[in-house]
């Protein structure tokens, strides 16, 4: 088996999965290289791993969650500039056989993440 990376977004203010959030995945290896772009589905997840087994490599990565449109569409943040417009999360994966899961728990003025299962 080979490793892979998944993610999802939960809207903790509404108690629901966050649908329609654009996510970009970058590899950080001296350069910052875009390797995947996707959007969350109605369950707040991506339809497939954002970094599937065939493309998996250990190293340093960054997920960027584009939250402005989502927050605006649900009247969750006032003002033209959203406090949390884009949320970058940098992390490392060092086990070539592991499933890494990096979720985002989102509210209009705060967020958290963890290594999930």
PDB file of N, CA and C in Angstrom:
ATOM      1  N   UNK A   1       0.842  -1.184   0.000  1.00  0.00           N
ATOM      2  CA  UNK A   1       0.000   0.000   0.000  1.00  0.00           C
ATOM      3  C   UNK A   1       0.884   1.243   0.000  1.00  0.00           C
ATOM      4  N   UNK A   2       0.406   2.278  -0.585  1.00  0.00           N
ATOM      5  CA  UNK A   2       1.118   3.542  -0.627  1.00  0.00           C
ATOM      6  C   UNK A   2       0.297   4.594   0.115  1.00  0.00           C
ATOM      7  N   UNK A   3       0.980   5.654   0.550  1.00  0.00           N
ATOM      8  CA  UNK A   3       0.306   6.713   1.286  1.00  0.00           C
ATOM      9  C   UNK A   3      -0.597   7.551   0.402  1.00  0.00           C
ATOM     10  N   UNK A   4      -1.440   8.346   1.056  1.00  0.00           N
ATOM     11  CA  UNK A   4      -2.301   9.296   0.360  1.00  0.00           C
ATOM     12  C   UNK A   4      -2.766  10.365   1.327  1.00  0.00           C
ATOM     13  N   UNK A   5      -3.327  11.458   0.786  1.00  0.00           N
ATOM     14  CA  UNK A   5      -3.751  12.607   1.577  1.00  0.00           C
ATOM     15  C   UNK A   5      -5.204  12.944   1.289  1.00  0.00           C
ATOM     16  N   UNK A   6      -5.976  13.108   2.359  1.00  0.00           N
ATOM     17  CA  UNK A   6      -7.363  13.550   2.240  1.00  0.00           C
ATOM     18  C   UNK A   6      -7.580  14.765   3.138  1.00  0.00           C
ATOM     19  N   UNK A   7      -8.674  15.465   2.893  1.00  0.00           N
ATOM     20  CA  UNK A   7      -9.039  16.622   3.703  1.00  0.00           C
ATOM     21  C   UNK A   7     -10.546  16.774   3.682  1.00  0.00           C
ATOM     22  N   UNK A   8     -11.057  17.560   4.595  1.00  0.00           N
ATOM     23  CA  UNK A   8     -12.447  17.980   4.547  1.00  0.00           C
ATOM     24  C   UNK A   8     -12.599  19.245   5.373  1.00  0.00           C
ATOM     25  N   UNK A   9     -13.744  19.935   5.189  1.00  0.00           N
ATOM     26  CA  UNK A   9     -13.993  21.188   5.888  1.00  0.00           C
ATOM     27  C   UNK A   9     -15.342  21.091   6.588  1.00  0.00           C
ATOM     28  N   UNK A  10     -15.335  21.373   7.878  1.00  0.00           N
ATOM     29  CA  UNK A  10     -16.561  21.413   8.673  1.00  0.00           C
ATOM     30  C   UNK A  10     -16.801  22.845   9.132  1.00  0.00           C
ATOM     31  N   UNK A  11     -18.010  23.320   8.941  1.00  0.00           N
ATOM     32  CA  UNK A  11     -18.423  24.657   9.348  1.00  0.00           C
ATOM     33  C   UNK A  11     -18.926  24.552  10.787  1.00  0.00           C
ATOM     34  N   UNK A  12     -18.099  24.937  11.747  1.00  0.00           N
ATOM     35  CA  UNK A  12     -18.487  24.781  13.156  1.00  0.00           C
ATOM     36  C   UNK A  12     -19.505  25.830  13.583  1.00  0.00           C
ATOM     37  N   UNK A  13     -19.628  26.941  12.865  1.00  0.00           N
ATOM     38  CA  UNK A  13     -20.630  27.959  13.185  1.00  0.00           C
ATOM     39  C   UNK A  13     -22.039  27.478  12.849  1.00  0.00           C
ATOM     40  N   UNK A  14     -22.158  26.707  11.780  1.00  0.00           N
ATOM     41  CA  UNK A  14     -23.463  26.213  11.343  1.00  0.00           C
ATOM     42  C   UNK A  14     -23.685  24.756  11.720  1.00  0.00           C
ATOM     43  N   UNK A  15     -22.622  24.070  12.125  1.00  0.00           N
ATOM     44  CA  UNK A  15     -22.739  22.655  12.462  1.00  0.00           C
ATOM     45  C   UNK A  15     -22.964  21.774  11.252  1.00  0.00           C
ATOM     46  N   UNK A  16     -22.357  22.145  10.119  1.00  0.00           N
ATOM     47  CA  UNK A  16     -22.575  21.439   8.855  1.00  0.00           C
ATOM     48  C   UNK A  16     -21.271  21.286   8.083  1.00  0.00           C
ATOM     49  N   UNK A  17     -21.222  20.335   7.150  1.00  0.00           N
ATOM     50  CA  UNK A  17     -20.090  20.287   6.224  1.00  0.00           C
ATOM     51  C   UNK A  17     -20.080  21.560   5.374  1.00  0.00           C
ATOM     52  N   UNK A  18     -18.908  22.013   4.986  1.00  0.00           N
ATOM     53  CA  UNK A  18     -18.766  23.225   4.173  1.00  0.00           C
ATOM     54  C   UNK A  18     -18.596  22.837   2.707  1.00  0.00           C
ATOM     55  N   UNK A  19     -19.639  23.055   1.939  1.00  0.00           N
ATOM     56  CA  UNK A  19     -19.643  22.701   0.513  1.00  0.00           C
ATOM     57  C   UNK A  19     -19.169  23.875  -0.333  1.00  0.00           C
ATOM     58  N   UNK A  20     -18.417  23.567  -1.388  1.00  0.00           N
ATOM     59  CA  UNK A  20     -18.046  24.572  -2.376  1.00  0.00           C
ATOM     60  C   UNK A  20     -16.795  25.370  -2.047  1.00  0.00           C
ATOM     61  N   UNK A  21     -15.961  24.885  -1.144  1.00  0.00           N
ATOM     62  CA  UNK A  21     -14.717  25.590  -0.824  1.00  0.00           C
ATOM     63  C   UNK A  21     -13.597  25.083  -1.728  1.00  0.00           C
ATOM     64  N   UNK A  22     -12.991  26.004  -2.430  1.00  0.00           N
ATOM     65  CA  UNK A  22     -11.845  25.674  -3.291  1.00  0.00           C
ATOM     66  C   UNK A  22     -10.636  25.395  -2.396  1.00  0.00           C
ATOM     67  N   UNK A  23      -9.872  24.356  -2.773  1.00  0.00           N
ATOM     68  CA  UNK A  23      -8.668  23.975  -2.040  1.00  0.00           C
ATOM     69  C   UNK A  23      -7.538  23.774  -3.044  1.00  0.00           C
ATOM     70  N   UNK A  24      -6.383  24.324  -2.712  1.00  0.00           N
ATOM     71  CA  UNK A  24      -5.185  24.091  -3.513  1.00  0.00           C
ATOM     72  C   UNK A  24      -4.154  23.378  -2.648  1.00  0.00           C
ATOM     73  N   UNK A  25      -3.418  22.450  -3.258  1.00  0.00           N
ATOM     74  CA  UNK A  25      -2.344  21.733  -2.581  1.00  0.00           C
ATOM     75  C   UNK A  25      -1.020  22.084  -3.251  1.00  0.00           C
ATOM     76  N   UNK A  26      -0.053  22.488  -2.440  1.00  0.00           N
ATOM     77  CA  UNK A  26       1.280  22.831  -2.922  1.00  0.00           C
ATOM     78  C   UNK A  26       2.301  21.901  -2.291  1.00  0.00           C
ATOM     79  N   UNK A  27       3.322  21.566  -3.051  1.00  0.00           N
ATOM     80  CA  UNK A  27       4.490  20.862  -2.518  1.00  0.00           C
ATOM     81  C   UNK A  27       5.547  21.917  -2.238  1.00  0.00           C
ATOM     82  N   UNK A  28       6.170  21.826  -1.067  1.00  0.00           N
ATOM     83  CA  UNK A  28       7.188  22.787  -0.646  1.00  0.00           C
ATOM     84  C   UNK A  28       8.534  22.077  -0.613  1.00  0.00           C
ATOM     85  N   UNK A  29       9.307  22.240  -1.659  1.00  0.00           N
ATOM     86  CA  UNK A  29      10.616  21.578  -1.732  1.00  0.00           C
ATOM     87  C   UNK A  29      11.668  22.555  -2.239  1.00  0.00           C
ATOM     88  N   UNK A  30      11.742  23.682  -1.582  1.00  0.00           N
ATOM     89  CA  UNK A  30      12.586  24.774  -2.058  1.00  0.00           C
ATOM     90  C   UNK A  30      11.773  25.748  -2.875  1.00  0.00           C
ATOM     91  N   UNK A  31      10.918  25.219  -3.717  1.00  0.00           N
ATOM     92  CA  UNK A  31       9.930  25.997  -4.460  1.00  0.00           C
ATOM     93  C   UNK A  31       8.559  25.661  -3.909  1.00  0.00           C
ATOM     94  N   UNK A  32       7.599  26.485  -4.215  1.00  0.00           N
ATOM     95  CA  UNK A  32       6.196  26.243  -3.854  1.00  0.00           C
ATOM     96  C   UNK A  32       5.479  25.888  -5.152  1.00  0.00           C
ATOM     97  N   UNK A  33       5.168  24.586  -5.328  1.00  0.00           N
ATOM     98  CA  UNK A  33       4.638  24.086  -6.590  1.00  0.00           C
ATOM     99  C   UNK A  33       3.200  23.615  -6.409  1.00  0.00           C
ATOM    100  N   UNK A  34       2.286  24.199  -7.178  1.00  0.00           N
ATOM    101  CA  UNK A  34       0.889  23.768  -7.152  1.00  0.00           C
ATOM    102  C   UNK A  34       0.793  22.386  -7.772  1.00  0.00           C
ATOM    103  N   UNK A  35       0.197  21.424  -7.026  1.00  0.00           N
ATOM    104  CA  UNK A  35       0.070  20.077  -7.574  1.00  0.00           C
ATOM    105  C   UNK A  35      -1.374  19.588  -7.666  1.00  0.00           C
ATOM    106  N   UNK A  36      -2.315  20.293  -7.022  1.00  0.00           N
ATOM    107  CA  UNK A  36      -3.716  19.874  -7.121  1.00  0.00           C
ATOM    108  C   UNK A  36      -4.640  21.021  -6.745  1.00  0.00           C
ATOM    109  N   UNK A  37      -5.795  21.050  -7.384  1.00  0.00           N
ATOM    110  CA  UNK A  37      -6.868  21.986  -7.057  1.00  0.00           C
ATOM    111  C   UNK A  37      -8.168  21.202  -7.055  1.00  0.00           C
ATOM    112  N   UNK A  38      -9.004  21.448  -6.064  1.00  0.00           N
ATOM    113  CA  UNK A  38     -10.279  20.758  -5.971  1.00  0.00           C
ATOM    114  C   UNK A  38     -11.277  21.639  -5.223  1.00  0.00           C
ATOM    115  N   UNK A  39     -12.511  21.143  -5.089  1.00  0.00           N
ATOM    116  CA  UNK A  39     -13.582  21.861  -4.385  1.00  0.00           C
ATOM    117  C   UNK A  39     -14.303  20.852  -3.505  1.00  0.00           C
ATOM    118  N   UNK A  40     -14.700  21.287  -2.308  1.00  0.00           N
ATOM    119  CA  UNK A  40     -15.422  20.385  -1.411  1.00  0.00           C
ATOM    120  C   UNK A  40     -16.824  20.087  -1.926  1.00  0.00           C
ATOM    121  N   UNK A  41     -17.267  18.868  -1.687  1.00  0.00           N
ATOM    122  CA  UNK A  41     -18.604  18.433  -2.102  1.00  0.00           C
ATOM    123  C   UNK A  41     -19.624  18.698  -0.988  1.00  0.00           C
ATOM    124  N   UNK A  42     -20.835  18.160  -1.121  1.00  0.00           N
ATOM    125  CA  UNK A  42     -21.893  18.431  -0.144  1.00  0.00           C
ATOM    126  C   UNK A  42     -21.633  17.827   1.227  1.00  0.00           C
ATOM    127  N   UNK A  43     -20.622  16.977   1.339  1.00  0.00           N
ATOM    128  CA  UNK A  43     -20.218  16.413   2.626  1.00  0.00           C
ATOM    129  C   UNK A  43     -18.981  17.132   3.180  1.00  0.00           C
ATOM    130  N   UNK A  44     -18.553  18.220   2.520  1.00  0.00           N
ATOM    131  CA  UNK A  44     -17.392  18.966   2.954  1.00  0.00           C
ATOM    132  C   UNK A  44     -16.076  18.285   2.624  1.00  0.00           C
ATOM    133  N   UNK A  45     -16.144  17.216   1.865  1.00  0.00           N
ATOM    134  CA  UNK A  45     -14.959  16.436   1.505  1.00  0.00           C
ATOM    135  C   UNK A  45     -14.645  16.631   0.024  1.00  0.00           C
ATOM    136  N   UNK A  46     -13.519  16.119  -0.400  1.00  0.00           N
ATOM    137  CA  UNK A  46     -13.213  16.103  -1.819  1.00  0.00           C
ATOM    138  C   UNK A  46     -13.680  14.758  -2.378  1.00  0.00           C
ATOM    139  N   UNK A  47     -13.981  14.713  -3.646  1.00  0.00           N
ATOM    140  CA  UNK A  47     -14.512  13.485  -4.245  1.00  0.00           C
ATOM    141  C   UNK A  47     -13.495  12.354  -4.313  1.00  0.00           C
ATOM    142  N   UNK A  48     -12.230  12.706  -4.230  1.00  0.00           N
ATOM    143  CA  UNK A  48     -11.155  11.714  -4.217  1.00  0.00           C
ATOM    144  C   UNK A  48     -10.020  12.300  -3.390  1.00  0.00           C
ATOM    145  N   UNK A  49      -9.040  11.483  -3.012  1.00  0.00           N
ATOM    146  CA  UNK A  49      -7.913  12.037  -2.256  1.00  0.00           C
ATOM    147  C   UNK A  49      -7.269  13.203  -3.005  1.00  0.00           C
ATOM    148  N   UNK A  50      -6.931  14.257  -2.277  1.00  0.00           N
ATOM    149  CA  UNK A  50      -6.304  15.416  -2.917  1.00  0.00           C
ATOM    150  C   UNK A  50      -4.885  15.074  -3.374  1.00  0.00           C
ATOM    151  N   UNK A  51      -4.286  14.100  -2.735  1.00  0.00           N
ATOM    152  CA  UNK A  51      -3.010  13.548  -3.187  1.00  0.00           C
ATOM    153  C   UNK A  51      -3.160  12.030  -3.161  1.00  0.00           C
ATOM    154  N   UNK A  52      -3.491  11.432  -4.316  1.00  0.00           N
ATOM    155  CA  UNK A  52      -3.746   9.994  -4.366  1.00  0.00           C
ATOM    156  C   UNK A  52      -2.467   9.156  -4.262  1.00  0.00           C
ATOM    157  N   UNK A  53      -2.645   7.871  -4.053  1.00  0.00           N
ATOM    158  CA  UNK A  53      -1.530   6.936  -3.876  1.00  0.00           C
ATOM    159  C   UNK A  53      -0.501   7.029  -5.001  1.00  0.00           C
ATOM    160  N   UNK A  54      -0.957   7.111  -6.241  1.00  0.00           N
ATOM    161  CA  UNK A  54      -0.041   7.125  -7.381  1.00  0.00           C
ATOM    162  C   UNK A  54       0.867   8.354  -7.408  1.00  0.00           C
ATOM    163  N   UNK A  55       0.429   9.444  -6.775  1.00  0.00           N
ATOM    164  CA  UNK A  55       1.189  10.694  -6.792  1.00  0.00           C
ATOM    165  C   UNK A  55       1.856  11.009  -5.456  1.00  0.00           C
ATOM    166  N   UNK A  56       1.660  10.159  -4.460  1.00  0.00           N
ATOM    167  CA  UNK A  56       2.113  10.449  -3.105  1.00  0.00           C
ATOM    168  C   UNK A  56       3.634  10.419  -2.980  1.00  0.00           C
ATOM    169  N   UNK A  57       4.176  11.444  -2.323  1.00  0.00           N
ATOM    170  CA  UNK A  57       5.593  11.523  -1.963  1.00  0.00           C
ATOM    171  C   UNK A  57       5.662  12.129  -0.577  1.00  0.00           C
ATOM    172  N   UNK A  58       6.596  11.667   0.220  1.00  0.00           N
ATOM    173  CA  UNK A  58       6.809  12.297   1.511  1.00  0.00           C
ATOM    174  C   UNK A  58       7.390  13.691   1.284  1.00  0.00           C
ATOM    175  N   UNK A  59       7.274  14.549   2.288  1.00  0.00           N
ATOM    176  CA  UNK A  59       7.822  15.891   2.185  1.00  0.00           C
ATOM    177  C   UNK A  59       6.942  16.904   2.872  1.00  0.00           C
ATOM    178  N   UNK A  60       7.210  18.170   2.579  1.00  0.00           N
ATOM    179  CA  UNK A  60       6.465  19.285   3.158  1.00  0.00           C
ATOM    180  C   UNK A  60       5.434  19.782   2.153  1.00  0.00           C
ATOM    181  N   UNK A  61       4.238  20.106   2.672  1.00  0.00           N
ATOM    182  CA  UNK A  61       3.117  20.509   1.829  1.00  0.00           C
ATOM    183  C   UNK A  61       2.374  21.688   2.449  1.00  0.00           C
ATOM    184  N   UNK A  62       1.536  22.299   1.624  1.00  0.00           N
ATOM    185  CA  UNK A  62       0.655  23.365   2.082  1.00  0.00           C
ATOM    186  C   UNK A  62      -0.705  23.190   1.432  1.00  0.00           C
ATOM    187  N   UNK A  63      -1.744  23.172   2.235  1.00  0.00           N
ATOM    188  CA  UNK A  63      -3.116  23.238   1.751  1.00  0.00           C
ATOM    189  C   UNK A  63      -3.585  24.680   1.930  1.00  0.00           C
ATOM    190  N   UNK A  64      -4.229  25.247   0.909  1.00  0.00           N
ATOM    191  CA  UNK A  64      -4.815  26.579   1.022  1.00  0.00           C
ATOM    192  C   UNK A  64      -6.316  26.437   0.794  1.00  0.00           C
ATOM    193  N   UNK A  65      -7.083  26.857   1.780  1.00  0.00           N
ATOM    194  CA  UNK A  65      -8.542  26.807   1.733  1.00  0.00           C
ATOM    195  C   UNK A  65      -9.042  28.221   1.443  1.00  0.00           C
ATOM    196  N   UNK A  66      -9.791  28.390   0.358  1.00  0.00           N
ATOM    197  CA  UNK A  66     -10.320  29.691  -0.052  1.00  0.00           C
ATOM    198  C   UNK A  66     -11.739  29.825   0.500  1.00  0.00           C
ATOM    199  N   UNK A  67     -11.876  30.555   1.596  1.00  0.00           N
ATOM    200  CA  UNK A  67     -13.113  30.554   2.377  1.00  0.00           C
ATOM    201  C   UNK A  67     -14.008  31.769   2.178  1.00  0.00           C
ATOM    202  N   UNK A  68     -13.526  32.837   1.543  1.00  0.00           N
ATOM    203  CA  UNK A  68     -14.297  34.082   1.421  1.00  0.00           C
ATOM    204  C   UNK A  68     -15.677  33.880   0.823  1.00  0.00           C
ATOM    205  N   UNK A  69     -15.747  33.235  -0.334  1.00  0.00           N
ATOM    206  CA  UNK A  69     -17.041  33.052  -1.009  1.00  0.00           C
ATOM    207  C   UNK A  69     -18.001  32.237  -0.157  1.00  0.00           C
ATOM    208  N   UNK A  70     -17.484  31.194   0.485  1.00  0.00           N
ATOM    209  CA  UNK A  70     -18.334  30.366   1.344  1.00  0.00           C
ATOM    210  C   UNK A  70     -18.888  31.187   2.505  1.00  0.00           C
ATOM    211  N   UNK A  71     -18.030  31.911   3.197  1.00  0.00           N
ATOM    212  CA  UNK A  71     -18.479  32.719   4.332  1.00  0.00           C
ATOM    213  C   UNK A  71     -19.486  33.774   3.899  1.00  0.00           C
ATOM    214  N   UNK A  72     -19.242  34.394   2.758  1.00  0.00           N
ATOM    215  CA  UNK A  72     -20.156  35.405   2.222  1.00  0.00           C
ATOM    216  C   UNK A  72     -21.513  34.794   1.883  1.00  0.00           C
ATOM    217  N   UNK A  73     -21.500  33.637   1.255  1.00  0.00           N
ATOM    218  CA  UNK A  73     -22.752  33.023   0.804  1.00  0.00           C
ATOM    219  C   UNK A  73     -23.645  32.585   1.961  1.00  0.00           C
ATOM    220  N   UNK A  74     -23.066  32.431   3.134  1.00  0.00           N
ATOM    221  CA  UNK A  74     -23.855  32.028   4.305  1.00  0.00           C
ATOM    222  C   UNK A  74     -23.949  33.144   5.343  1.00  0.00           C
ATOM    223  N   UNK A  75     -23.649  34.388   4.922  1.00  0.00           N
ATOM    224  CA  UNK A  75     -23.712  35.551   5.813  1.00  0.00           C
ATOM    225  C   UNK A  75     -22.992  35.312   7.130  1.00  0.00           C
ATOM    226  N   UNK A  76     -21.819  34.699   7.052  1.00  0.00           N
ATOM    227  CA  UNK A  76     -21.084  34.358   8.265  1.00  0.00           C
ATOM    228  C   UNK A  76     -19.985  35.352   8.609  1.00  0.00           C
ATOM    229  N   UNK A  77     -19.720  36.309   7.752  1.00  0.00           N
ATOM    230  CA  UNK A  77     -18.690  37.298   8.052  1.00  0.00           C
ATOM    231  C   UNK A  77     -19.049  38.607   7.362  1.00  0.00           C
ATOM    232  N   UNK A  78     -19.060  39.683   8.128  1.00  0.00           N
ATOM    233  CA  UNK A  78     -19.445  40.980   7.590  1.00  0.00           C
ATOM    234  C   UNK A  78     -18.240  41.685   6.983  1.00  0.00           C
ATOM    235  N   UNK A  79     -18.512  42.596   6.063  1.00  0.00           N
ATOM    236  CA  UNK A  79     -17.463  43.435   5.498  1.00  0.00           C
ATOM    237  C   UNK A  79     -16.937  42.918   4.182  1.00  0.00           C
ATOM    238  N   UNK A  80     -16.349  43.833   3.433  1.00  0.00           N
ATOM    239  CA  UNK A  80     -15.823  43.480   2.120  1.00  0.00           C
ATOM    240  C   UNK A  80     -14.646  42.514   2.217  1.00  0.00           C
ATOM    241  N   UNK A  81     -13.762  42.746   3.178  1.00  0.00           N
ATOM    242  CA  UNK A  81     -12.621  41.860   3.381  1.00  0.00           C
ATOM    243  C   UNK A  81     -12.945  40.887   4.515  1.00  0.00           C
ATOM    244  N   UNK A  82     -12.969  39.637   4.208  1.00  0.00           N
ATOM    245  CA  UNK A  82     -13.260  38.617   5.222  1.00  0.00           C
ATOM    246  C   UNK A  82     -12.038  38.417   6.101  1.00  0.00           C
ATOM    247  N   UNK A  83     -12.256  38.276   7.393  1.00  0.00           N
ATOM    248  CA  UNK A  83     -11.168  38.050   8.329  1.00  0.00           C
ATOM    249  C   UNK A  83     -10.366  36.825   7.925  1.00  0.00           C
ATOM    250  N   UNK A  84     -11.051  35.757   7.529  1.00  0.00           N
ATOM    251  CA  UNK A  84     -10.396  34.531   7.071  1.00  0.00           C
ATOM    252  C   UNK A  84     -10.737  34.277   5.606  1.00  0.00           C
ATOM    253  N   UNK A  85     -10.106  35.014   4.723  1.00  0.00           N
ATOM    254  CA  UNK A  85     -10.359  34.828   3.300  1.00  0.00           C
ATOM    255  C   UNK A  85      -9.694  33.579   2.755  1.00  0.00           C
ATOM    256  N   UNK A  86      -8.422  33.409   3.075  1.00  0.00           N
ATOM    257  CA  UNK A  86      -7.655  32.233   2.663  1.00  0.00           C
ATOM    258  C   UNK A  86      -6.963  31.687   3.900  1.00  0.00           C
ATOM    259  N   UNK A  87      -7.010  30.376   4.064  1.00  0.00           N
ATOM    260  CA  UNK A  87      -6.381  29.740   5.218  1.00  0.00           C
ATOM    261  C   UNK A  87      -5.330  28.759   4.717  1.00  0.00           C
ATOM    262  N   UNK A  88      -4.038  29.065   4.940  1.00  0.00           N
ATOM    263  CA  UNK A  88      -2.971  28.128   4.574  1.00  0.00           C
ATOM    264  C   UNK A  88      -2.613  27.236   5.759  1.00  0.00           C
ATOM    265  N   UNK A  89      -2.413  25.965   5.492  1.00  0.00           N
ATOM    266  CA  UNK A  89      -1.978  25.024   6.527  1.00  0.00           C
ATOM    267  C   UNK A  89      -0.759  24.291   5.981  1.00  0.00           C
ATOM    268  N   UNK A  90       0.365  24.457   6.670  1.00  0.00           N
ATOM    269  CA  UNK A  90       1.607  23.777   6.260  1.00  0.00           C
ATOM    270  C   UNK A  90       1.846  22.599   7.184  1.00  0.00           C
ATOM    271  N   UNK A  91       2.299  21.492   6.580  1.00  0.00           N
ATOM    272  CA  UNK A  91       2.497  20.259   7.332  1.00  0.00           C
ATOM    273  C   UNK A  91       3.491  19.382   6.586  1.00  0.00           C
ATOM    274  N   UNK A  92       3.962  18.347   7.272  1.00  0.00           N
ATOM    275  CA  UNK A  92       4.912  17.413   6.666  1.00  0.00           C
ATOM    276  C   UNK A  92       4.351  15.999   6.741  1.00  0.00           C
ATOM    277  N   UNK A  93       4.688  15.210   5.749  1.00  0.00           N
ATOM    278  CA  UNK A  93       4.312  13.798   5.716  1.00  0.00           C
ATOM    279  C   UNK A  93       5.593  12.993   5.547  1.00  0.00           C
ATOM    280  N   UNK A  94       5.890  12.121   6.515  1.00  0.00           N
ATOM    281  CA  UNK A  94       7.160  11.402   6.471  1.00  0.00           C
ATOM    282  C   UNK A  94       7.025   9.886   6.382  1.00  0.00           C
ATOM    283  N   UNK A  95       5.816   9.387   6.323  1.00  0.00           N
ATOM    284  CA  UNK A  95       5.581   7.944   6.226  1.00  0.00           C
ATOM    285  C   UNK A  95       4.984   7.636   4.852  1.00  0.00           C
ATOM    286  N   UNK A  96       5.744   6.997   4.008  1.00  0.00           N
ATOM    287  CA  UNK A  96       5.323   6.735   2.628  1.00  0.00           C
ATOM    288  C   UNK A  96       4.159   5.764   2.522  1.00  0.00           C
ATOM    289  N   UNK A  97       3.807   5.106   3.611  1.00  0.00           N
ATOM    290  CA  UNK A  97       2.716   4.125   3.595  1.00  0.00           C
ATOM    291  C   UNK A  97       1.457   4.597   4.313  1.00  0.00           C
ATOM    292  N   UNK A  98       1.474   5.804   4.880  1.00  0.00           N
ATOM    293  CA  UNK A  98       0.383   6.262   5.752  1.00  0.00           C
ATOM    294  C   UNK A  98      -0.703   7.017   4.990  1.00  0.00           C
ATOM    295  N   UNK A  99      -1.892   6.984   5.583  1.00  0.00           N
ATOM    296  CA  UNK A  99      -2.986   7.846   5.154  1.00  0.00           C
ATOM    297  C   UNK A  99      -2.925   9.085   6.037  1.00  0.00           C
ATOM    298  N   UNK A 100      -2.724  10.227   5.418  1.00  0.00           N
ATOM    299  CA  UNK A 100      -2.744  11.505   6.133  1.00  0.00           C
ATOM    300  C   UNK A 100      -4.081  12.178   5.852  1.00  0.00           C
ATOM    301  N   UNK A 101      -4.690  12.699   6.911  1.00  0.00           N
ATOM    302  CA  UNK A 101      -5.967  13.405   6.784  1.00  0.00           C
ATOM    303  C   UNK A 101      -5.815  14.728   7.518  1.00  0.00           C
ATOM    304  N   UNK A 102      -5.997  15.846   6.796  1.00  0.00           N
ATOM    305  CA  UNK A 102      -5.825  17.176   7.369  1.00  0.00           C
ATOM    306  C   UNK A 102      -7.143  17.938   7.218  1.00  0.00           C
ATOM    307  N   UNK A 103      -8.014  17.875   8.226  1.00  0.00           N
ATOM    308  CA  UNK A 103      -9.292  18.577   8.151  1.00  0.00           C
ATOM    309  C   UNK A 103      -9.173  20.032   8.606  1.00  0.00           C
ATOM    310  N   UNK A 104     -10.146  20.823   8.199  1.00  0.00           N
ATOM    311  CA  UNK A 104     -10.255  22.210   8.628  1.00  0.00           C
ATOM    312  C   UNK A 104     -11.597  22.385   9.328  1.00  0.00           C
ATOM    313  N   UNK A 105     -11.565  22.850  10.570  1.00  0.00           N
ATOM    314  CA  UNK A 105     -12.773  23.212  11.311  1.00  0.00           C
ATOM    315  C   UNK A 105     -12.875  24.729  11.225  1.00  0.00           C
ATOM    316  N   UNK A 106     -13.889  25.216  10.543  1.00  0.00           N
ATOM    317  CA  UNK A 106     -13.985  26.616  10.140  1.00  0.00           C
ATOM    318  C   UNK A 106     -15.107  27.351  10.858  1.00  0.00           C
ATOM    319  N   UNK A 107     -14.829  28.575  11.288  1.00  0.00           N
ATOM    320  CA  UNK A 107     -15.853  29.522  11.716  1.00  0.00           C
ATOM    321  C   UNK A 107     -15.454  30.874  11.134  1.00  0.00           C
ATOM    322  N   UNK A 108     -16.308  31.888  11.186  1.00  0.00           N
ATOM    323  CA  UNK A 108     -15.980  33.156  10.534  1.00  0.00           C
ATOM    324  C   UNK A 108     -14.725  33.846  11.072  1.00  0.00           C
ATOM    325  N   UNK A 109     -14.387  33.613  12.330  1.00  0.00           N
ATOM    326  CA  UNK A 109     -13.268  34.341  12.927  1.00  0.00           C
ATOM    327  C   UNK A 109     -12.234  33.430  13.582  1.00  0.00           C
ATOM    328  N   UNK A 110     -12.246  32.167  13.232  1.00  0.00           N
ATOM    329  CA  UNK A 110     -11.261  31.250  13.778  1.00  0.00           C
ATOM    330  C   UNK A 110     -11.334  29.903  13.075  1.00  0.00           C
ATOM    331  N   UNK A 111     -10.271  29.124  13.240  1.00  0.00           N
ATOM    332  CA  UNK A 111     -10.240  27.786  12.661  1.00  0.00           C
ATOM    333  C   UNK A 111      -9.289  26.911  13.462  1.00  0.00           C
ATOM    334  N   UNK A 112      -9.412  25.621  13.261  1.00  0.00           N
ATOM    335  CA  UNK A 112      -8.449  24.684  13.839  1.00  0.00           C
ATOM    336  C   UNK A 112      -8.285  23.526  12.867  1.00  0.00           C
ATOM    337  N   UNK A 113      -7.195  22.801  13.084  1.00  0.00           N
ATOM    338  CA  UNK A 113      -6.892  21.637  12.273  1.00  0.00           C
ATOM    339  C   UNK A 113      -6.169  20.628  13.137  1.00  0.00           C
ATOM    340  N   UNK A 114      -6.009  19.428  12.638  1.00  0.00           N
ATOM    341  CA  UNK A 114      -5.326  18.368  13.363  1.00  0.00           C
ATOM    342  C   UNK A 114      -4.991  17.278  12.367  1.00  0.00           C
ATOM    343  N   UNK A 115      -4.168  16.331  12.764  1.00  0.00           N
ATOM    344  CA  UNK A 115      -3.939  15.169  11.913  1.00  0.00           C
ATOM    345  C   UNK A 115      -5.023  14.151  12.236  1.00  0.00           C
ATOM    346  N   UNK A 116      -5.909  13.983  11.296  1.00  0.00           N
ATOM    347  CA  UNK A 116      -7.024  13.049  11.482  1.00  0.00           C
ATOM    348  C   UNK A 116      -6.661  11.657  11.043  1.00  0.00           C
ATOM    349  N   UNK A 117      -7.677  10.819  10.991  1.00  0.00           N
ATOM    350  CA  UNK A 117      -7.466   9.432  10.598  1.00  0.00           C
ATOM    351  C   UNK A 117      -8.335   9.077   9.413  1.00  0.00           C
TER     352      UNK A 117
END
